[in-house]
Protein backbone atom coordinates (compact mmCIF):
# COMPACT_ATOMS: atom_id res chain seq x y z
CA MET A 1 4.68 -18.44 14.97
CA HIS A 2 3.86 -19.90 11.56
CA SER A 3 1.15 -22.18 10.27
CA SER A 4 2.45 -25.60 9.24
CA ALA A 5 0.95 -25.54 5.74
CA PHE A 6 1.52 -22.69 3.35
CA HIS A 7 -1.71 -21.33 1.88
CA TYR A 8 -0.73 -20.76 -1.76
CA GLN A 9 0.71 -24.23 -2.40
CA ALA A 10 -2.58 -25.53 -3.79
CA LEU A 11 -3.08 -22.50 -6.07
CA THR A 12 -1.90 -24.27 -9.24
CA PRO A 13 -2.28 -22.89 -12.79
CA ASP A 14 -5.09 -25.40 -13.39
CA LEU A 15 -6.97 -24.25 -10.30
CA ILE A 16 -6.54 -20.59 -11.34
CA LEU A 17 -7.94 -21.34 -14.81
CA ASP A 18 -10.82 -23.37 -13.35
CA ALA A 19 -11.67 -20.49 -10.98
CA ILE A 20 -11.74 -17.97 -13.85
CA GLU A 21 -13.80 -20.31 -16.04
CA SER A 22 -16.29 -20.77 -13.17
CA LEU A 23 -17.30 -17.15 -13.90
CA GLY A 24 -17.95 -17.88 -17.58
CA ILE A 25 -14.71 -16.15 -18.64
CA TYR A 26 -12.38 -18.26 -20.79
CA PRO A 27 -8.68 -17.31 -21.02
CA GLU A 28 -7.24 -17.50 -24.51
CA THR A 29 -3.67 -16.69 -23.49
CA GLY A 30 -1.46 -18.01 -20.71
CA LEU A 31 -1.38 -16.36 -17.31
CA LEU A 32 1.19 -13.57 -16.94
CA ALA A 33 2.15 -13.20 -13.26
CA LEU A 34 2.18 -9.54 -12.20
CA ASN A 35 4.47 -8.05 -9.57
CA SER A 36 2.59 -8.82 -6.37
CA TYR A 37 3.91 -10.69 -3.35
CA GLU A 38 1.06 -10.16 -0.92
CA ASN A 39 -1.59 -11.60 -3.23
CA ARG A 40 -1.35 -13.63 -6.44
CA VAL A 41 -2.18 -11.53 -9.49
CA TYR A 42 -2.25 -12.61 -13.15
CA GLN A 43 -3.04 -10.91 -16.45
CA PHE A 44 -4.64 -12.72 -19.39
CA ARG A 45 -6.74 -12.16 -22.50
CA SER A 46 -10.12 -13.84 -22.78
CA ASP A 47 -11.65 -15.54 -25.81
CA ARG A 48 -13.62 -12.30 -26.32
CA GLN A 49 -10.32 -10.42 -26.73
CA GLN A 50 -10.73 -8.55 -23.42
CA ARG A 51 -7.68 -8.17 -21.18
CA TYR A 52 -8.26 -8.98 -17.53
CA VAL A 53 -6.35 -9.10 -14.26
CA VAL A 54 -7.36 -11.79 -11.77
CA LYS A 55 -6.41 -11.31 -8.13
CA PHE A 56 -6.38 -14.13 -5.58
CA TYR A 57 -6.43 -12.73 -2.06
CA ARG A 58 -3.96 -14.04 0.50
CA PRO A 59 -5.96 -16.47 2.66
CA GLU A 60 -6.77 -15.37 6.22
CA ARG A 61 -5.55 -11.81 5.69
CA TRP A 62 -8.85 -9.94 5.29
CA SER A 63 -12.43 -10.91 6.07
CA ASP A 64 -15.00 -11.07 3.27
CA ALA A 65 -16.56 -7.89 4.71
CA GLN A 66 -13.22 -6.04 4.53
CA ILE A 67 -12.61 -7.10 0.93
CA GLN A 68 -16.17 -6.20 -0.05
CA GLU A 69 -15.76 -2.76 1.53
CA GLU A 70 -12.61 -2.24 -0.58
CA HIS A 71 -14.56 -3.22 -3.72
CA ASP A 72 -17.49 -0.96 -2.83
CA PHE A 73 -15.16 1.99 -2.21
CA SER A 74 -13.51 1.56 -5.62
CA ALA A 75 -16.94 1.32 -7.28
CA GLU A 76 -18.07 4.52 -5.53
CA LEU A 77 -14.93 6.34 -6.70
CA ALA A 78 -15.43 5.06 -10.27
CA GLU A 79 -18.96 6.52 -10.16
CA GLN A 80 -17.31 9.86 -9.36
CA GLU A 81 -15.36 9.44 -12.64
CA ILE A 82 -12.10 8.76 -10.83
CA PRO A 83 -9.92 6.40 -12.91
CA ILE A 84 -9.50 3.50 -10.51
CA ALA A 85 -9.25 -0.26 -11.01
CA THR A 86 -12.65 -1.66 -10.09
CA PRO A 87 -13.61 -5.35 -10.04
CA GLU A 88 -16.14 -6.72 -12.50
CA ILE A 89 -19.60 -7.53 -11.14
CA ILE A 90 -20.47 -11.04 -12.30
CA ASP A 91 -23.75 -12.65 -11.22
CA GLY A 92 -24.27 -9.73 -8.86
CA ARG A 93 -20.94 -10.20 -7.05
CA SER A 94 -17.44 -8.72 -7.19
CA LEU A 95 -15.88 -11.15 -4.68
CA HIS A 96 -15.84 -14.79 -5.74
CA HIS A 97 -14.94 -18.05 -3.99
CA TYR A 98 -13.40 -21.16 -5.50
CA GLN A 99 -12.06 -24.18 -3.59
CA GLY A 100 -11.22 -22.15 -0.49
CA TYR A 101 -9.71 -19.18 -2.37
CA ARG A 102 -11.23 -15.72 -2.71
CA PHE A 103 -10.64 -13.82 -5.92
CA ALA A 104 -11.77 -10.88 -8.03
CA LEU A 105 -11.57 -10.10 -11.74
CA PHE A 106 -10.58 -6.64 -12.98
CA PRO A 107 -10.54 -5.18 -16.49
CA SER A 108 -6.84 -4.63 -17.26
CA MET A 109 -5.81 -0.99 -16.97
CA GLY A 110 -3.06 -0.44 -19.53
CA GLY A 111 -0.47 2.21 -18.89
CA ARG A 112 3.17 3.03 -18.32
CA ALA A 113 4.98 3.93 -15.14
CA PHE A 114 4.03 7.18 -13.43
CA GLU A 115 7.05 9.53 -13.55
CA VAL A 116 7.16 10.90 -10.04
CA ASP A 117 9.81 13.47 -11.03
CA SER A 118 7.49 14.96 -13.69
CA LEU A 119 5.84 18.00 -12.10
CA ASP A 120 3.09 17.96 -14.75
CA GLN A 121 2.17 14.38 -13.89
CA LEU A 122 2.45 15.14 -10.18
CA GLU A 123 0.04 18.04 -10.59
CA GLU A 124 -2.54 15.81 -12.24
CA VAL A 125 -2.12 13.10 -9.60
CA GLY A 126 -2.60 15.69 -6.85
CA ARG A 127 -5.88 16.77 -8.45
CA PHE A 128 -7.23 13.21 -8.44
CA ILE A 129 -6.09 12.49 -4.87
CA GLY A 130 -7.92 15.66 -3.85
CA ARG A 131 -11.06 14.38 -5.58
CA ILE A 132 -10.68 10.94 -3.94
CA HIS A 133 -10.30 12.47 -0.49
CA GLN A 134 -13.13 14.98 -0.91
CA TYR A 135 -15.47 12.08 -1.68
CA ALA A 136 -13.88 9.73 0.89
CA LYS A 137 -14.72 12.14 3.73
CA CYS A 138 -18.48 11.58 3.29
CA LYS A 139 -18.51 8.43 5.49
CA PRO A 140 -16.03 6.16 7.31
CA PHE A 141 -15.04 2.58 6.63
CA GLN A 142 -16.90 0.15 8.85
CA TYR A 143 -14.67 -2.93 8.51
CA ARG A 144 -11.26 -1.82 7.25
CA GLU A 145 -8.35 -1.13 9.61
CA THR A 146 -7.37 2.27 11.01
CA LEU A 147 -3.80 3.44 10.49
CA SER A 148 -2.11 3.93 13.85
CA VAL A 149 1.25 3.74 15.60
CA GLN A 150 -0.03 0.61 17.34
CA LEU A 151 -0.99 -1.14 14.09
CA LEU A 152 2.16 -0.35 12.09
CA GLY A 153 4.66 0.20 14.89
CA ASP A 154 3.90 -1.68 18.13
CA GLU A 155 2.49 -4.80 16.48
CA SER A 156 5.38 -4.96 14.01
CA LEU A 157 7.98 -4.59 16.77
CA GLN A 158 6.27 -7.24 18.89
CA TRP A 159 6.27 -9.64 15.93
CA LEU A 160 9.96 -9.04 15.13
CA LYS A 161 11.00 -9.63 18.75
CA ALA A 162 9.33 -13.06 18.69
CA SER A 163 10.32 -13.99 15.12
CA GLY A 164 13.96 -14.99 15.52
CA HIS A 165 14.72 -13.25 12.21
CA VAL A 166 16.93 -10.51 13.65
CA PRO A 167 20.46 -12.00 13.93
CA PRO A 168 21.28 -12.66 17.63
CA GLY A 169 24.43 -10.52 17.54
CA LEU A 170 22.46 -7.51 16.27
CA GLU A 171 19.27 -7.84 18.34
CA THR A 172 20.28 -5.35 21.05
CA ALA A 173 21.44 -2.69 18.59
CA TYR A 174 18.45 -3.18 16.28
CA PHE A 175 15.70 -3.22 18.89
CA THR A 176 17.24 -0.34 20.87
CA ILE A 177 17.20 2.02 17.88
CA VAL A 178 13.77 0.84 16.67
CA GLU A 179 12.28 1.45 20.14
CA GLN A 180 13.77 4.97 20.15
CA VAL A 181 12.36 5.68 16.69
CA LEU A 182 8.96 4.34 17.69
CA ALA A 183 8.85 6.36 20.94
CA LYS A 184 9.68 9.58 19.05
CA SER A 185 7.15 8.75 16.32
CA LYS A 186 4.42 8.25 18.95
CA GLN A 187 5.26 11.58 20.55
CA LEU A 188 4.98 13.42 17.21
CA TRP A 189 1.87 11.46 16.20
CA GLN A 190 -0.01 12.25 19.40
CA ALA A 191 0.74 15.96 19.03
CA VAL A 192 -1.30 16.18 15.81
CA ASP A 193 -5.04 15.80 16.26
CA THR A 194 -6.41 15.38 12.75
CA PRO A 195 -9.55 13.83 11.26
CA LEU A 196 -9.27 10.34 9.79
CA ILE A 197 -10.74 9.63 6.36
CA ARG A 198 -10.99 6.68 3.99
CA LEU A 199 -7.65 6.30 2.18
CA HIS A 200 -6.09 4.37 -0.67
CA GLY A 201 -3.62 3.52 2.08
CA ASP A 202 -0.61 2.42 0.02
CA LEU A 203 -0.34 5.11 -2.62
CA HIS A 204 3.26 4.77 -3.74
CA PRO A 205 4.18 5.62 -7.36
CA SER A 206 3.99 1.97 -8.50
CA ASN A 207 0.26 1.95 -7.71
CA ILE A 208 -0.33 4.70 -10.29
CA LEU A 209 -0.25 3.90 -14.01
CA TRP A 210 -0.02 6.58 -16.67
CA THR A 211 -2.70 5.99 -19.29
CA PRO A 212 -3.47 7.98 -22.46
CA ASP A 213 -6.08 9.84 -20.35
CA GLY A 214 -3.79 10.55 -17.38
CA PRO A 215 -3.29 8.73 -14.07
CA GLY A 216 -4.99 5.45 -13.25
CA PHE A 217 -5.04 4.20 -9.66
CA VAL A 218 -4.71 0.51 -8.78
CA ASP A 219 -4.54 -1.78 -5.75
CA LEU A 220 -6.77 -0.68 -2.89
CA ASP A 221 -5.69 -3.77 -0.93
CA ASP A 222 -4.42 -1.61 1.96
CA ALA A 223 -7.36 0.82 2.01
CA LYS A 224 -7.89 2.02 5.57
CA MET A 225 -8.91 4.96 7.73
CA GLY A 226 -6.12 7.44 8.38
CA PRO A 227 -4.80 11.01 7.93
CA ALA A 228 -4.91 12.40 4.38
CA VAL A 229 -1.11 12.87 4.25
CA GLN A 230 -0.67 9.07 4.12
CA ASP A 231 -1.83 9.18 0.47
CA LEU A 232 0.57 12.03 -0.36
CA TRP A 233 3.95 11.59 1.31
CA MET A 234 5.14 8.61 -0.76
CA MET A 235 5.10 10.84 -3.87
CA LEU A 236 7.96 12.90 -2.44
CA ALA A 237 11.56 12.02 -3.32
CA GLY A 238 15.01 13.62 -3.30
CA ASP A 239 16.46 16.24 -0.96
CA ALA A 240 14.41 18.68 1.14
CA SER A 241 14.25 21.38 -1.56
CA ALA A 242 13.11 18.86 -4.22
CA GLN A 243 10.48 17.49 -1.83
CA ARG A 244 9.27 20.98 -0.97
CA LEU A 245 8.74 21.77 -4.67
CA GLN A 246 6.96 18.44 -5.25
CA LEU A 247 4.77 19.04 -2.19
CA GLU A 248 3.87 22.53 -3.38
CA VAL A 249 2.81 21.22 -6.82
CA LEU A 250 0.93 18.29 -5.30
CA LEU A 251 -0.97 20.32 -2.71
CA GLU A 252 -1.81 23.22 -5.01
CA SER A 253 -3.71 20.88 -7.32
CA TYR A 254 -5.03 18.76 -4.40
CA GLU A 255 -6.58 21.85 -2.82
CA GLU A 256 -8.58 22.61 -5.95
CA PHE A 257 -10.88 19.88 -4.64
CA CYS A 258 -10.07 19.20 -0.98
CA GLN A 259 -8.66 21.33 1.82
CA PHE A 260 -5.43 20.04 3.34
CA ASP A 261 -4.59 20.46 7.03
CA ALA A 262 -0.94 21.63 7.01
CA ARG A 263 -0.44 20.27 10.55
CA GLN A 264 -0.36 16.80 8.97
CA LEU A 265 3.06 17.58 7.45
CA LYS A 266 4.42 16.81 10.93
CA LEU A 267 3.28 13.20 10.39
CA ILE A 268 5.41 12.52 7.29
CA GLU A 269 8.55 11.35 9.12
CA PRO A 270 6.62 9.32 11.74
CA LEU A 271 4.75 7.64 8.86
CA ARG A 272 8.05 6.91 7.09
CA ALA A 273 9.47 5.46 10.32
CA MET A 274 6.46 3.21 10.85
CA ARG A 275 6.59 2.03 7.25
CA MET A 276 10.24 1.01 7.76
CA ILE A 277 9.38 -1.03 10.88
CA HIS A 278 6.27 -2.52 9.26
CA TYR A 279 8.24 -3.53 6.15
CA ASN A 280 10.74 -5.54 8.21
CA ALA A 281 7.88 -7.26 10.04
CA TRP A 282 5.98 -7.88 6.79
CA LEU A 283 8.93 -9.78 5.33
CA SER A 284 9.19 -11.79 8.55
CA ARG A 285 5.46 -12.57 8.61
CA ARG A 286 5.58 -13.81 5.00
CA TRP A 287 8.85 -15.76 5.19
CA GLU A 288 7.08 -19.13 5.01
CA ASP A 289 5.76 -18.14 1.56
CA PRO A 290 8.39 -19.57 -0.86
CA ALA A 291 8.12 -16.40 -2.99
CA PHE A 292 9.73 -14.37 -0.19
CA PRO A 293 13.06 -16.17 0.39
CA MET A 294 13.33 -16.39 -3.40
CA ASN A 295 12.76 -12.66 -4.04
CA PHE A 296 14.21 -11.20 -0.83
CA PRO A 297 17.22 -13.46 -0.09
CA TRP A 298 19.17 -10.59 1.50
CA TYR A 299 16.63 -10.48 4.35
CA ALA A 300 18.36 -13.48 5.93
CA GLU A 301 21.81 -11.85 5.82
CA GLU A 302 23.44 -9.91 8.67
CA LYS A 303 24.41 -7.14 6.28
CA TYR A 304 20.74 -6.31 5.70
CA TRP A 305 20.11 -5.83 9.43
CA GLU A 306 23.30 -3.74 9.80
CA GLN A 307 21.97 -1.47 7.05
CA GLN A 308 18.59 -1.30 8.81
CA ILE A 309 20.24 -0.17 12.05
CA LEU A 310 21.99 2.64 10.15
CA GLY A 311 18.74 3.53 8.37
CA PHE A 312 16.85 3.79 11.65
CA LYS A 313 19.61 5.98 13.16
CA GLU A 314 19.22 8.35 10.19
CA GLN A 315 15.44 8.26 10.61
CA LEU A 316 15.72 9.14 14.31
CA ALA A 317 17.72 12.23 13.31
CA LYS A 318 15.02 13.16 10.75
CA LEU A 319 12.35 12.88 13.43
CA ASP A 320 14.23 15.55 15.39
CA GLU A 321 14.41 17.95 12.44
CA PRO A 322 11.69 20.54 11.68
CA PRO A 323 8.98 18.97 9.48
CA LEU A 324 8.81 19.57 5.76
CA SER A 325 6.91 22.77 5.08
CA LEU A 326 5.86 24.81 2.07
CA LEU A 327 7.95 27.76 3.23
CA PRO A 328 11.76 27.73 3.17
CA GLN A 329 13.31 27.45 6.63
CA TYR A 330 15.39 30.54 7.38
């Protein structure tokens, strides 16, 4: 299941500094590790007083072509005056290699947390997502993945069944409910025929910073083809009435720039279900990385899996409810 050697072990502070200096950039401060488990990301200030973020990509996750396509997409969006973190071009390249590692250097985008419960901020975010999607529709990704039930659901379930991470006494209960959730999600997914466009792909509130000029978008690491609603549903929180209000604000500003197909609202709960399954499999896939047992110790406890079983039972009930809509249900 797992490779014998863990890939990040050789990524020492000295190697990180040497990699940065190989680009002619010289850190003046220490490296501040930023909150990223999938990749290794550090902030620093250079001797020219510029603040940078350096990102080392997880080995063997993406191909060079997939990473380059992510970089090119961000550069295209920046040309459209969309505030998005875009890697520096140094010696004609945005993707760099050093001693077997691939990395990119970004100007640091300062900002505070996006307040998802602020309708004013939500309105502005909706406007920019609309602009991103209107541009993104002009051509497809060639190398990035396509969001599907198979990618997030089937492959995740298959991995978990072979992983040995689900406690033996809970395997039957866990896999039974997950299979039911996945079957219902597939049924709902297949009933909505909608165009796929280039997406941010992982647009949860933590990937939006609030700058003095408004929202700033970061981390296109999961950019993929998929339905537009994937970049919208993670903004919604609270009970159904709160989510309906948030959705109304979000889509009203979104549609100033890009038309939204309301049939995609039926995909919100299937997408949530698949994210739940994928998250469990993601933790399992990364368990050999020492950062994971250290930061997610509860994953190895039975209590966690008992809570997951309950969570999936609740999600199955949500999949049977009418989808979120902009009109109150009478």
